[in-house]
Full PDB file with SEQRES, HELIX, SHEET, SSBOND, CRYST1, ORIGX, SCALE, CONECT and MASTER records, all heavy atoms in Angstrom:
SEQRES   1 A   41  LEU HIS GLY ALA GLY LEU ALA ALA ARG PHE ARG GLU PRO          
SEQRES   2 A   41  LEU GLN LYS HIS CYS SER HIS LEU ILE PRO TYR SER GLN          
SEQRES   3 A   41  ARG ASP GLN TYR ARG THR GLU LEU GLU GLU ARG SER GLY          
SEQRES   4 A   41  SER GLU                                                      
HELIX    1 AA1 ALA A    8  LEU A   21  1                                  14    
HELIX    2 AA2 TYR A   24  GLN A   26  5                                   3    
HELIX    3 AA3 ARG A   27  SER A   40  1                                  14    
CRYST1    1.000    1.000    1.000  90.00  90.00  90.00 P 1           1          
ORIGX1      1.000000  0.000000  0.000000        0.00000                         
ORIGX2      0.000000  1.000000  0.000000        0.00000                         
ORIGX3      0.000000  0.000000  1.000000        0.00000                         
SCALE1      1.000000  0.000000  0.000000        0.00000                         
SCALE2      0.000000  1.000000  0.000000        0.00000                         
SCALE3      0.000000  0.000000  1.000000        0.00000                         
ATOM      1  N   LEU A   1      -2.297  10.848   4.910  1.00  0.00           N  
ATOM      2  CA  LEU A   1      -2.821  12.014   4.207  1.00  0.00           C  
ATOM      3  C   LEU A   1      -1.842  13.162   4.081  1.00  0.00           C  
ATOM      4  O   LEU A   1      -1.780  13.824   3.048  1.00  0.00           O  
ATOM      5  CB  LEU A   1      -4.096  12.514   4.896  1.00  0.00           C  
ATOM      6  CG  LEU A   1      -5.285  11.568   4.867  1.00  0.00           C  
ATOM      7  CD1 LEU A   1      -6.455  12.183   5.617  1.00  0.00           C  
ATOM      8  CD2 LEU A   1      -5.673  11.240   3.447  1.00  0.00           C  
ATOM      9  N   HIS A   2      -1.115  13.421   5.153  1.00  0.00           N  
ATOM     10  CA  HIS A   2      -0.300  14.629   5.196  1.00  0.00           C  
ATOM     11  C   HIS A   2       1.199  14.363   5.216  1.00  0.00           C  
ATOM     12  O   HIS A   2       1.979  15.303   5.251  1.00  0.00           O  
ATOM     13  CB  HIS A   2      -0.676  15.461   6.422  1.00  0.00           C  
ATOM     14  CG  HIS A   2      -2.150  15.738   6.509  1.00  0.00           C  
ATOM     15  ND1 HIS A   2      -2.818  16.485   5.588  1.00  0.00           N  
ATOM     16  CD2 HIS A   2      -3.076  15.308   7.403  1.00  0.00           C  
ATOM     17  CE1 HIS A   2      -4.097  16.543   5.908  1.00  0.00           C  
ATOM     18  NE2 HIS A   2      -4.288  15.823   7.002  1.00  0.00           N  
ATOM     19  N   GLY A   3       1.582  13.099   5.236  1.00  0.00           N  
ATOM     20  CA  GLY A   3       2.999  12.775   5.255  1.00  0.00           C  
ATOM     21  C   GLY A   3       3.650  13.069   6.584  1.00  0.00           C  
ATOM     22  O   GLY A   3       4.863  13.219   6.665  1.00  0.00           O  
ATOM     23  N   ALA A   4       2.831  13.169   7.636  1.00  0.00           N  
ATOM     24  CA  ALA A   4       3.379  13.423   8.966  1.00  0.00           C  
ATOM     25  C   ALA A   4       4.317  12.283   9.343  1.00  0.00           C  
ATOM     26  O   ALA A   4       4.164  11.150   8.877  1.00  0.00           O  
ATOM     27  CB  ALA A   4       2.255  13.536   9.985  1.00  0.00           C  
ATOM     28  N   GLY A   5       5.266  12.587  10.178  1.00  0.00           N  
ATOM     29  CA  GLY A   5       6.252  11.596  10.580  1.00  0.00           C  
ATOM     30  C   GLY A   5       5.636  10.349  11.180  1.00  0.00           C  
ATOM     31  O   GLY A   5       4.570  10.385  11.792  1.00  0.00           O  
ATOM     32  N   LEU A   6       6.289   9.244  10.980  1.00  0.00           N  
ATOM     33  CA  LEU A   6       5.852   7.967  11.523  1.00  0.00           C  
ATOM     34  C   LEU A   6       6.907   7.509  12.514  1.00  0.00           C  
ATOM     35  O   LEU A   6       8.088   7.404  12.159  1.00  0.00           O  
ATOM     36  CB  LEU A   6       5.695   6.943  10.389  1.00  0.00           C  
ATOM     37  CG  LEU A   6       5.244   5.548  10.776  1.00  0.00           C  
ATOM     38  CD1 LEU A   6       3.808   5.582  11.298  1.00  0.00           C  
ATOM     39  CD2 LEU A   6       5.329   4.614   9.583  1.00  0.00           C  
ATOM     40  N   ALA A   7       6.489   7.266  13.740  1.00  0.00           N  
ATOM     41  CA  ALA A   7       7.434   6.821  14.766  1.00  0.00           C  
ATOM     42  C   ALA A   7       8.122   5.531  14.312  1.00  0.00           C  
ATOM     43  O   ALA A   7       7.493   4.654  13.708  1.00  0.00           O  
ATOM     44  CB  ALA A   7       6.709   6.594  16.088  1.00  0.00           C  
ATOM     45  N   ALA A   8       9.403   5.438  14.592  1.00  0.00           N  
ATOM     46  CA  ALA A   8      10.205   4.292  14.155  1.00  0.00           C  
ATOM     47  C   ALA A   8       9.618   2.966  14.629  1.00  0.00           C  
ATOM     48  O   ALA A   8       9.676   1.971  13.913  1.00  0.00           O  
ATOM     49  CB  ALA A   8      11.635   4.447  14.644  1.00  0.00           C  
ATOM     50  N   ARG A   9       9.008   2.963  15.806  1.00  0.00           N  
ATOM     51  CA  ARG A   9       8.482   1.705  16.342  1.00  0.00           C  
ATOM     52  C   ARG A   9       7.279   1.174  15.550  1.00  0.00           C  
ATOM     53  O   ARG A   9       6.909   0.013  15.682  1.00  0.00           O  
ATOM     54  CB  ARG A   9       8.117   1.862  17.815  1.00  0.00           C  
ATOM     55  CG  ARG A   9       6.947   2.756  18.089  1.00  0.00           C  
ATOM     56  CD  ARG A   9       6.675   2.853  19.591  1.00  0.00           C  
ATOM     57  NE  ARG A   9       5.498   3.609  19.880  1.00  0.00           N  
ATOM     58  CZ  ARG A   9       5.466   4.931  20.046  1.00  0.00           C  
ATOM     59  NH1 ARG A   9       6.582   5.628  19.952  1.00  0.00           N  
ATOM     60  NH2 ARG A   9       4.339   5.540  20.323  1.00  0.00           N  
ATOM     61  N   PHE A  10       6.677   2.021  14.716  1.00  0.00           N  
ATOM     62  CA  PHE A  10       5.532   1.593  13.914  1.00  0.00           C  
ATOM     63  C   PHE A  10       5.916   1.191  12.486  1.00  0.00           C  
ATOM     64  O   PHE A  10       5.110   0.597  11.781  1.00  0.00           O  
ATOM     65  CB  PHE A  10       4.475   2.694  13.836  1.00  0.00           C  
ATOM     66  CG  PHE A  10       3.874   3.048  15.163  1.00  0.00           C  
ATOM     67  CD1 PHE A  10       3.836   4.359  15.584  1.00  0.00           C  
ATOM     68  CD2 PHE A  10       3.357   2.074  15.996  1.00  0.00           C  
ATOM     69  CE1 PHE A  10       3.276   4.702  16.806  1.00  0.00           C  
ATOM     70  CE2 PHE A  10       2.803   2.394  17.222  1.00  0.00           C  
ATOM     71  CZ  PHE A  10       2.769   3.720  17.624  1.00  0.00           C  
ATOM     72  N   ARG A  11       7.109   1.520  12.057  1.00  0.00           N  
ATOM     73  CA  ARG A  11       7.490   1.267  10.657  1.00  0.00           C  
ATOM     74  C   ARG A  11       7.504  -0.219  10.320  1.00  0.00           C  
ATOM     75  O   ARG A  11       6.915  -0.639   9.331  1.00  0.00           O  
ATOM     76  CB  ARG A  11       8.846   1.895  10.353  1.00  0.00           C  
ATOM     77  CG  ARG A  11       8.755   3.388  10.280  1.00  0.00           C  
ATOM     78  CD  ARG A  11      10.067   4.022   9.943  1.00  0.00           C  
ATOM     79  NE  ARG A  11       9.919   5.468  10.107  1.00  0.00           N  
ATOM     80  CZ  ARG A  11      10.920   6.291  10.280  1.00  0.00           C  
ATOM     81  NH1 ARG A  11      12.151   5.834  10.292  1.00  0.00           N  
ATOM     82  NH2 ARG A  11      10.695   7.572  10.432  1.00  0.00           N  
ATOM     83  N   GLU A  12       8.187  -1.003  11.111  1.00  0.00           N  
ATOM     84  CA  GLU A  12       8.279  -2.435  10.812  1.00  0.00           C  
ATOM     85  C   GLU A  12       6.918  -3.137  10.900  1.00  0.00           C  
ATOM     86  O   GLU A  12       6.547  -3.884   9.986  1.00  0.00           O  
ATOM     87  CB  GLU A  12       9.292  -3.120  11.730  1.00  0.00           C  
ATOM     88  CG  GLU A  12       9.530  -4.570  11.357  1.00  0.00           C  
ATOM     89  CD  GLU A  12      10.586  -5.222  12.216  1.00  0.00           C  
ATOM     90  OE1 GLU A  12      11.480  -4.523  12.724  1.00  0.00           O  
ATOM     91  OE2 GLU A  12      10.500  -6.441  12.374  1.00  0.00           O  
ATOM     92  N   PRO A  13       6.123  -2.881  11.961  1.00  0.00           N  
ATOM     93  CA  PRO A  13       4.805  -3.521  12.000  1.00  0.00           C  
ATOM     94  C   PRO A  13       3.897  -3.091  10.840  1.00  0.00           C  
ATOM     95  O   PRO A  13       3.163  -3.918  10.287  1.00  0.00           O  
ATOM     96  CB  PRO A  13       4.211  -3.079  13.341  1.00  0.00           C  
ATOM     97  CG  PRO A  13       5.379  -2.697  14.174  1.00  0.00           C  
ATOM     98  CD  PRO A  13       6.416  -2.195  13.220  1.00  0.00           C  
ATOM     99  N   LEU A  14       3.964  -1.815  10.442  1.00  0.00           N  
ATOM    100  CA  LEU A  14       3.146  -1.348   9.323  1.00  0.00           C  
ATOM    101  C   LEU A  14       3.569  -2.038   8.034  1.00  0.00           C  
ATOM    102  O   LEU A  14       2.734  -2.495   7.251  1.00  0.00           O  
ATOM    103  CB  LEU A  14       3.245   0.171   9.189  1.00  0.00           C  
ATOM    104  CG  LEU A  14       2.397   0.801   8.084  1.00  0.00           C  
ATOM    105  CD1 LEU A  14       0.918   0.485   8.278  1.00  0.00           C  
ATOM    106  CD2 LEU A  14       2.616   2.307   8.046  1.00  0.00           C  
ATOM    107  N   GLN A  15       4.855  -2.150   7.832  1.00  0.00           N  
ATOM    108  CA  GLN A  15       5.372  -2.824   6.637  1.00  0.00           C  
ATOM    109  C   GLN A  15       4.936  -4.289   6.629  1.00  0.00           C  
ATOM    110  O   GLN A  15       4.496  -4.816   5.605  1.00  0.00           O  
ATOM    111  CB  GLN A  15       6.893  -2.712   6.618  1.00  0.00           C  
ATOM    112  CG  GLN A  15       7.529  -3.264   5.374  1.00  0.00           C  
ATOM    113  CD  GLN A  15       9.022  -2.991   5.335  1.00  0.00           C  
ATOM    114  OE1 GLN A  15       9.528  -2.106   6.023  1.00  0.00           O  
ATOM    115  NE2 GLN A  15       9.728  -3.751   4.550  1.00  0.00           N  
ATOM    116  N   LYS A  16       4.996  -4.938   7.772  1.00  0.00           N  
ATOM    117  CA  LYS A  16       4.617  -6.345   7.877  1.00  0.00           C  
ATOM    118  C   LYS A  16       3.135  -6.542   7.553  1.00  0.00           C  
ATOM    119  O   LYS A  16       2.763  -7.433   6.777  1.00  0.00           O  
ATOM    120  CB  LYS A  16       4.907  -6.845   9.294  1.00  0.00           C  
ATOM    121  CG  LYS A  16       4.520  -8.273   9.533  1.00  0.00           C  
ATOM    122  CD  LYS A  16       4.817  -8.674  10.963  1.00  0.00           C  
ATOM    123  CE  LYS A  16       4.305 -10.053  11.263  1.00  0.00           C  
ATOM    124  NZ  LYS A  16       4.488 -10.412  12.672  1.00  0.00           N  
ATOM    125  N   HIS A  17       2.280  -5.689   8.103  1.00  0.00           N  
ATOM    126  CA  HIS A  17       0.845  -5.843   7.871  1.00  0.00           C  
ATOM    127  C   HIS A  17       0.453  -5.471   6.445  1.00  0.00           C  
ATOM    128  O   HIS A  17      -0.442  -6.080   5.871  1.00  0.00           O  
ATOM    129  CB  HIS A  17       0.044  -5.053   8.906  1.00  0.00           C  
ATOM    130  CG  HIS A  17       0.031  -5.724  10.239  1.00  0.00           C  
ATOM    131  ND1 HIS A  17      -0.728  -6.843  10.501  1.00  0.00           N  
ATOM    132  CD2 HIS A  17       0.725  -5.483  11.364  1.00  0.00           C  
ATOM    133  CE1 HIS A  17      -0.504  -7.245  11.738  1.00  0.00           C  
ATOM    134  NE2 HIS A  17       0.372  -6.430  12.287  1.00  0.00           N  
ATOM    135  N   CYS A  18       1.126  -4.492   5.872  1.00  0.00           N  
ATOM    136  CA  CYS A  18       0.869  -4.169   4.463  1.00  0.00           C  
ATOM    137  C   CYS A  18       1.235  -5.348   3.578  1.00  0.00           C  
ATOM    138  O   CYS A  18       0.523  -5.654   2.623  1.00  0.00           O  
ATOM    139  CB  CYS A  18       1.660  -2.928   4.041  1.00  0.00           C  
ATOM    140  SG  CYS A  18       0.977  -1.381   4.653  1.00  0.00           S  
ATOM    141  N   SER A  19       2.323  -6.030   3.914  1.00  0.00           N  
ATOM    142  CA  SER A  19       2.753  -7.164   3.087  1.00  0.00           C  
ATOM    143  C   SER A  19       1.766  -8.328   3.159  1.00  0.00           C  
ATOM    144  O   SER A  19       1.659  -9.108   2.219  1.00  0.00           O  
ATOM    145  CB  SER A  19       4.148  -7.627   3.479  1.00  0.00           C  
ATOM    146  OG  SER A  19       4.141  -8.260   4.740  1.00  0.00           O  
ATOM    147  N   HIS A  20       1.037  -8.433   4.266  1.00  0.00           N  
ATOM    148  CA  HIS A  20       0.014  -9.481   4.359  1.00  0.00           C  
ATOM    149  C   HIS A  20      -1.178  -9.166   3.467  1.00  0.00           C  
ATOM    150  O   HIS A  20      -1.831 -10.072   2.948  1.00  0.00           O  
ATOM    151  CB  HIS A  20      -0.474  -9.651   5.799  1.00  0.00           C  
ATOM    152  CG  HIS A  20       0.525 -10.292   6.690  1.00  0.00           C  
ATOM    153  ND1 HIS A  20       0.975 -11.584   6.522  1.00  0.00           N  
ATOM    154  CD2 HIS A  20       1.200  -9.813   7.766  1.00  0.00           C  
ATOM    155  CE1 HIS A  20       1.864 -11.873   7.448  1.00  0.00           C  
ATOM    156  NE2 HIS A  20       2.021 -10.821   8.220  1.00  0.00           N  
ATOM    157  N   LEU A  21      -1.469  -7.878   3.284  1.00  0.00           N  
ATOM    158  CA  LEU A  21      -2.631  -7.481   2.493  1.00  0.00           C  
ATOM    159  C   LEU A  21      -2.317  -7.342   1.007  1.00  0.00           C  
ATOM    160  O   LEU A  21      -3.123  -7.708   0.161  1.00  0.00           O  
ATOM    161  CB  LEU A  21      -3.199  -6.171   3.040  1.00  0.00           C  
ATOM    162  CG  LEU A  21      -3.752  -6.271   4.462  1.00  0.00           C  
ATOM    163  CD1 LEU A  21      -4.049  -4.895   5.019  1.00  0.00           C  
ATOM    164  CD2 LEU A  21      -4.994  -7.137   4.477  1.00  0.00           C  
ATOM    165  N   ILE A  22      -1.158  -6.786   0.688  1.00  0.00           N  
ATOM    166  CA  ILE A  22      -0.699  -6.661  -0.696  1.00  0.00           C  
ATOM    167  C   ILE A  22       0.811  -6.890  -0.696  1.00  0.00           C  
ATOM    168  O   ILE A  22       1.549  -6.067  -0.164  1.00  0.00           O  
ATOM    169  CB  ILE A  22      -0.997  -5.276  -1.289  1.00  0.00           C  
ATOM    170  CG1 ILE A  22      -2.494  -5.057  -1.440  1.00  0.00           C  
ATOM    171  CG2 ILE A  22      -0.300  -5.112  -2.643  1.00  0.00           C  
ATOM    172  CD1 ILE A  22      -2.883  -3.718  -2.044  1.00  0.00           C  
ATOM    173  N   PRO A  23       1.271  -7.997  -1.264  1.00  0.00           N  
ATOM    174  CA  PRO A  23       2.716  -8.232  -1.318  1.00  0.00           C  
ATOM    175  C   PRO A  23       3.431  -7.093  -2.051  1.00  0.00           C  
ATOM    176  O   PRO A  23       2.936  -6.593  -3.060  1.00  0.00           O  
ATOM    177  CB  PRO A  23       2.836  -9.544  -2.092  1.00  0.00           C  
ATOM    178  CG  PRO A  23       1.516 -10.204  -1.903  1.00  0.00           C  
ATOM    179  CD  PRO A  23       0.513  -9.088  -1.824  1.00  0.00           C  
ATOM    180  N   TYR A  24       4.554  -6.667  -1.502  1.00  0.00           N  
ATOM    181  CA  TYR A  24       5.286  -5.536  -2.063  1.00  0.00           C  
ATOM    182  C   TYR A  24       5.627  -5.772  -3.536  1.00  0.00           C  
ATOM    183  O   TYR A  24       5.532  -4.868  -4.346  1.00  0.00           O  
ATOM    184  CB  TYR A  24       6.561  -5.286  -1.258  1.00  0.00           C  
ATOM    185  CG  TYR A  24       7.279  -4.022  -1.643  1.00  0.00           C  
ATOM    186  CD1 TYR A  24       6.786  -2.783  -1.265  1.00  0.00           C  
ATOM    187  CD2 TYR A  24       8.437  -4.069  -2.406  1.00  0.00           C  
ATOM    188  CE1 TYR A  24       7.430  -1.616  -1.619  1.00  0.00           C  
ATOM    189  CE2 TYR A  24       9.087  -2.905  -2.769  1.00  0.00           C  
ATOM    190  CZ  TYR A  24       8.588  -1.680  -2.364  1.00  0.00           C  
ATOM    191  OH  TYR A  24       9.235  -0.527  -2.729  1.00  0.00           O  
ATOM    192  N   SER A  25       5.961  -7.008  -3.883  1.00  0.00           N  
ATOM    193  CA  SER A  25       6.344  -7.312  -5.264  1.00  0.00           C  
ATOM    194  C   SER A  25       5.171  -7.188  -6.232  1.00  0.00           C  
ATOM    195  O   SER A  25       5.371  -7.048  -7.433  1.00  0.00           O  
ATOM    196  CB  SER A  25       6.928  -8.722  -5.348  1.00  0.00           C  
ATOM    197  OG  SER A  25       5.959  -9.672  -4.940  1.00  0.00           O  
ATOM    198  N   GLN A  26       3.945  -7.217  -5.728  1.00  0.00           N  
ATOM    199  CA  GLN A  26       2.761  -7.156  -6.585  1.00  0.00           C  
ATOM    200  C   GLN A  26       2.047  -5.810  -6.530  1.00  0.00           C  
ATOM    201  O   GLN A  26       0.972  -5.653  -7.082  1.00  0.00           O  
ATOM    202  CB  GLN A  26       1.779  -8.256  -6.183  1.00  0.00           C  
ATOM    203  CG  GLN A  26       2.329  -9.637  -6.381  1.00  0.00           C  
ATOM    204  CD  GLN A  26       1.367 -10.700  -5.878  1.00  0.00           C  
ATOM    205  OE1 GLN A  26       0.250 -10.411  -5.483  1.00  0.00           O  
ATOM    206  NE2 GLN A  26       1.829 -11.935  -5.869  1.00  0.00           N  
ATOM    207  N   ARG A  27       2.644  -4.812  -5.873  1.00  0.00           N  
ATOM    208  CA  ARG A  27       1.950  -3.540  -5.678  1.00  0.00           C  
ATOM    209  C   ARG A  27       1.631  -2.843  -6.999  1.00  0.00           C  
ATOM    210  O   ARG A  27       0.580  -2.230  -7.117  1.00  0.00           O  
ATOM    211  CB  ARG A  27       2.725  -2.630  -4.736  1.00  0.00           C  
ATOM    212  CG  ARG A  27       4.004  -2.092  -5.296  1.00  0.00           C  
ATOM    213  CD  ARG A  27       4.890  -1.450  -4.245  1.00  0.00           C  
ATOM    214  NE  ARG A  27       6.048  -0.832  -4.840  1.00  0.00           N  
ATOM    215  CZ  ARG A  27       7.056  -1.466  -5.392  1.00  0.00           C  
ATOM    216  NH1 ARG A  27       7.059  -2.776  -5.437  1.00  0.00           N  
ATOM    217  NH2 ARG A  27       8.067  -0.816  -5.920  1.00  0.00           N  
ATOM    218  N   ASP A  28       2.488  -2.965  -8.008  1.00  0.00           N  
ATOM    219  CA  ASP A  28       2.212  -2.325  -9.299  1.00  0.00           C  
ATOM    220  C   ASP A  28       1.002  -2.964  -9.974  1.00  0.00           C  
ATOM    221  O   ASP A  28       0.198  -2.274 -10.598  1.00  0.00           O  
ATOM    222  CB  ASP A  28       3.432  -2.394 -10.219  1.00  0.00           C  
ATOM    223  CG  ASP A  28       4.574  -1.524  -9.714  1.00  0.00           C  
ATOM    224  OD1 ASP A  28       4.291  -0.514  -9.027  1.00  0.00           O  
ATOM    225  OD2 ASP A  28       5.738  -1.857  -9.992  1.00  0.00           O  
ATOM    226  N   GLN A  29       0.860  -4.261  -9.841  1.00  0.00           N  
ATOM    227  CA  GLN A  29      -0.287  -4.981 -10.402  1.00  0.00           C  
ATOM    228  C   GLN A  29      -1.583  -4.490  -9.737  1.00  0.00           C  
ATOM    229  O   GLN A  29      -2.581  -4.232 -10.412  1.00  0.00           O  
ATOM    230  CB  GLN A  29      -0.112  -6.475 -10.164  1.00  0.00           C  
ATOM    231  CG  GLN A  29      -1.310  -7.317 -10.523  1.00  0.00           C  
ATOM    232  CD  GLN A  29      -1.109  -8.764 -10.083  1.00  0.00           C  
ATOM    233  OE1 GLN A  29       0.004  -9.200  -9.822  1.00  0.00           O  
ATOM    234  NE2 GLN A  29      -2.195  -9.497  -9.985  1.00  0.00           N  
ATOM    235  N   TYR A  30      -1.575  -4.329  -8.424  1.00  0.00           N  
ATOM    236  CA  TYR A  30      -2.758  -3.859  -7.705  1.00  0.00           C  
ATOM    237  C   TYR A  30      -3.067  -2.410  -8.080  1.00  0.00           C  
ATOM    238  O   TYR A  30      -4.232  -2.037  -8.224  1.00  0.00           O  
ATOM    239  CB  TYR A  30      -2.552  -3.967  -6.194  1.00  0.00           C  
ATOM    240  CG  TYR A  30      -2.772  -5.358  -5.659  1.00  0.00           C  
ATOM    241  CD1 TYR A  30      -1.755  -6.308  -5.692  1.00  0.00           C  
ATOM    242  CD2 TYR A  30      -3.989  -5.722  -5.114  1.00  0.00           C  
ATOM    243  CE1 TYR A  30      -1.950  -7.588  -5.193  1.00  0.00           C  
ATOM    244  CE2 TYR A  30      -4.203  -6.994  -4.612  1.00  0.00           C  
ATOM    245  CZ  TYR A  30      -3.177  -7.924  -4.659  1.00  0.00           C  
ATOM    246  OH  TYR A  30      -3.378  -9.181  -4.176  1.00  0.00           O  
ATOM    247  N   ARG A  31      -2.043  -1.599  -8.228  1.00  0.00           N  
ATOM    248  CA  ARG A  31      -2.230  -0.193  -8.608  1.00  0.00           C  
ATOM    249  C   ARG A  31      -2.887  -0.106  -9.989  1.00  0.00           C  
ATOM    250  O   ARG A  31      -3.827   0.654 -10.200  1.00  0.00           O  
ATOM    251  CB  ARG A  31      -0.893   0.545  -8.602  1.00  0.00           C  
ATOM    252  CG  ARG A  31      -1.028   2.032  -8.830  1.00  0.00           C  
ATOM    253  CD  ARG A  31       0.305   2.766  -8.746  1.00  0.00           C  
ATOM    254  NE  ARG A  31       0.911   2.611  -7.429  1.00  0.00           N  
ATOM    255  CZ  ARG A  31       2.065   1.985  -7.188  1.00  0.00           C  
ATOM    256  NH1 ARG A  31       2.760   1.451  -8.178  1.00  0.00           N  
ATOM    257  NH2 ARG A  31       2.551   1.896  -5.969  1.00  0.00           N  
ATOM    258  N   THR A  32      -2.421  -0.919 -10.924  1.00  0.00           N  
ATOM    259  CA  THR A  32      -2.994  -0.953 -12.272  1.00  0.00           C  
ATOM    260  C   THR A  32      -4.458  -1.383 -12.217  1.00  0.00           C  
ATOM    261  O   THR A  32      -5.313  -0.796 -12.883  1.00  0.00           O  
ATOM    262  CB  THR A  32      -2.190  -1.916 -13.167  1.00  0.00           C  
ATOM    263  OG1 THR A  32      -0.832  -1.489 -13.200  1.00  0.00           O  
ATOM    264  CG2 THR A  32      -2.749  -1.958 -14.568  1.00  0.00           C  
ATOM    265  N   GLU A  33      -4.747  -2.391 -11.409  1.00  0.00           N  
ATOM    266  CA  GLU A  33      -6.124  -2.872 -11.270  1.00  0.00           C  
ATOM    267  C   GLU A  33      -7.031  -1.770 -10.715  1.00  0.00           C  
ATOM    268  O   GLU A  33      -8.154  -1.583 -11.178  1.00  0.00           O  
ATOM    269  CB  GLU A  33      -6.158  -4.082 -10.348  1.00  0.00           C  
ATOM    270  CG  GLU A  33      -7.519  -4.723 -10.235  1.00  0.00           C  
ATOM    271  CD  GLU A  33      -7.497  -5.946  -9.336  1.00  0.00           C  
ATOM    272  OE1 GLU A  33      -6.490  -6.683  -9.335  1.00  0.00           O  
ATOM    273  OE2 GLU A  33      -8.500  -6.151  -8.633  1.00  0.00           O  
ATOM    274  N   LEU A  34      -6.541  -1.014  -9.733  1.00  0.00           N  
ATOM    275  CA  LEU A  34      -7.326   0.091  -9.181  1.00  0.00           C  
ATOM    276  C   LEU A  34      -7.593   1.161 -10.232  1.00  0.00           C  
ATOM    277  O   LEU A  34      -8.695   1.694 -10.322  1.00  0.00           O  
ATOM    278  CB  LEU A  34      -6.589   0.730  -8.000  1.00  0.00           C  
ATOM    279  CG  LEU A  34      -6.833   0.128  -6.638  1.00  0.00           C  
ATOM    280  CD1 LEU A  34      -5.914   0.772  -5.607  1.00  0.00           C  
ATOM    281  CD2 LEU A  34      -8.275   0.271  -6.216  1.00  0.00           C  
ATOM    282  N   GLU A  35      -6.580   1.474 -11.030  1.00  0.00           N  
ATOM    283  CA  GLU A  35      -6.744   2.484 -12.074  1.00  0.00           C  
ATOM    284  C   GLU A  35      -7.766   2.025 -13.114  1.00  0.00           C  
ATOM    285  O   GLU A  35      -8.581   2.813 -13.585  1.00  0.00           O  
ATOM    286  CB  GLU A  35      -5.402   2.791 -12.735  1.00  0.00           C  
ATOM    287  CG  GLU A  35      -4.459   3.542 -11.831  1.00  0.00           C  
ATOM    288  CD  GLU A  35      -3.041   3.627 -12.367  1.00  0.00           C  
ATOM    289  OE1 GLU A  35      -2.755   3.074 -13.452  1.00  0.00           O  
ATOM    290  OE2 GLU A  35      -2.210   4.248 -11.687  1.00  0.00           O  
ATOM    291  N   GLU A  36      -7.734   0.746 -13.455  1.00  0.00           N  
ATOM    292  CA  GLU A  36      -8.707   0.209 -14.413  1.00  0.00           C  
ATOM    293  C   GLU A  36     -10.121   0.260 -13.847  1.00  0.00           C  
ATOM    294  O   GLU A  36     -11.063   0.600 -14.539  1.00  0.00           O  
ATOM    295  CB  GLU A  36      -8.336  -1.228 -14.788  1.00  0.00           C  
ATOM    296  CG  GLU A  36      -7.111  -1.322 -15.660  1.00  0.00           C  
ATOM    297  CD  GLU A  36      -6.658  -2.754 -15.883  1.00  0.00           C  
ATOM    298  OE1 GLU A  36      -7.277  -3.697 -15.334  1.00  0.00           O  
ATOM    299  OE2 GLU A  36      -5.668  -2.930 -16.613  1.00  0.00           O  
ATOM    300  N   ARG A  37     -10.240  -0.067 -12.551  1.00  0.00           N  
ATOM    301  CA  ARG A  37     -11.546  -0.002 -11.888  1.00  0.00           C  
ATOM    302  C   ARG A  37     -12.106   1.412 -11.913  1.00  0.00           C  
ATOM    303  O   ARG A  37     -13.261   1.621 -12.242  1.00  0.00           O  
ATOM    304  CB  ARG A  37     -11.422  -0.421 -10.424  1.00  0.00           C  
ATOM    305  CG  ARG A  37     -11.664  -1.856 -10.176  1.00  0.00           C  
ATOM    306  CD  ARG A  37     -11.922  -2.036  -8.697  1.00  0.00           C  
ATOM    307  NE  ARG A  37     -11.098  -3.090  -8.173  1.00  0.00           N  
ATOM    308  CZ  ARG A  37     -10.896  -3.320  -6.894  1.00  0.00           C  
ATOM    309  NH1 ARG A  37     -11.412  -2.533  -5.986  1.00  0.00           N  
ATOM    310  NH2 ARG A  37     -10.165  -4.320  -6.508  1.00  0.00           N  
ATOM    311  N   SER A  38     -11.274   2.371 -11.553  1.00  0.00           N  
ATOM    312  CA  SER A  38     -11.759   3.755 -11.510  1.00  0.00           C  
ATOM    313  C   SER A  38     -12.060   4.262 -12.916  1.00  0.00           C  
ATOM    314  O   SER A  38     -12.991   5.042 -13.104  1.00  0.00           O  
ATOM    315  CB  SER A  38     -10.762   4.669 -10.799  1.00  0.00           C  
ATOM    316  OG  SER A  38      -9.572   4.778 -11.534  1.00  0.00           O  
ATOM    317  N   GLY A  39     -11.325   3.804 -13.911  1.00  0.00           N  
ATOM    318  CA  GLY A  39     -11.601   4.185 -15.287  1.00  0.00           C  
ATOM    319  C   GLY A  39     -12.929   3.655 -15.774  1.00  0.00           C  
ATOM    320  O   GLY A  39     -13.706   4.350 -16.430  1.00  0.00           O  
ATOM    321  N   SER A  40     -13.247   2.412 -15.424  1.00  0.00           N  
ATOM    322  CA  SER A  40     -14.527   1.838 -15.847  1.00  0.00           C  
ATOM    323  C   SER A  40     -15.685   2.486 -15.106  1.00  0.00           C  
ATOM    324  O   SER A  40     -16.761   2.654 -15.654  1.00  0.00           O  
ATOM    325  CB  SER A  40     -14.544   0.319 -15.635  1.00  0.00           C  
ATOM    326  OG  SER A  40     -14.490  -0.004 -14.271  1.00  0.00           O  
ATOM    327  N   GLU A  41     -15.483   2.890 -13.865  1.00  0.00           N  
ATOM    328  CA  GLU A  41     -16.539   3.588 -13.123  1.00  0.00           C  
ATOM    329  C   GLU A  41     -16.796   4.957 -13.732  1.00  0.00           C  
ATOM    330  O   GLU A  41     -17.936   5.384 -13.822  1.00  0.00           O  
ATOM    331  CB  GLU A  41     -16.150   3.723 -11.652  1.00  0.00           C  
ATOM    332  CG  GLU A  41     -16.200   2.420 -10.897  1.00  0.00           C  
ATOM    333  CD  GLU A  41     -15.650   2.524  -9.499  1.00  0.00           C  
ATOM    334  OE1 GLU A  41     -15.316   3.648  -9.064  1.00  0.00           O  
ATOM    335  OE2 GLU A  41     -15.548   1.492  -8.830  1.00  0.00           O  
TER     336      GLU A  41                                                      
MASTER        0    0    0    3    0    0    0    6  335    1    0    4          
END                                                                             
């Protein structure tokens, strides 16, 4: 929310878990899908 610092020891695990939920290479596709969803709502 606020862009507060993230301890270095959490960066790699956070990146790893994000990649399991949304592959980095597909993030633009997911972002577009979210925008379309919110537009239809």
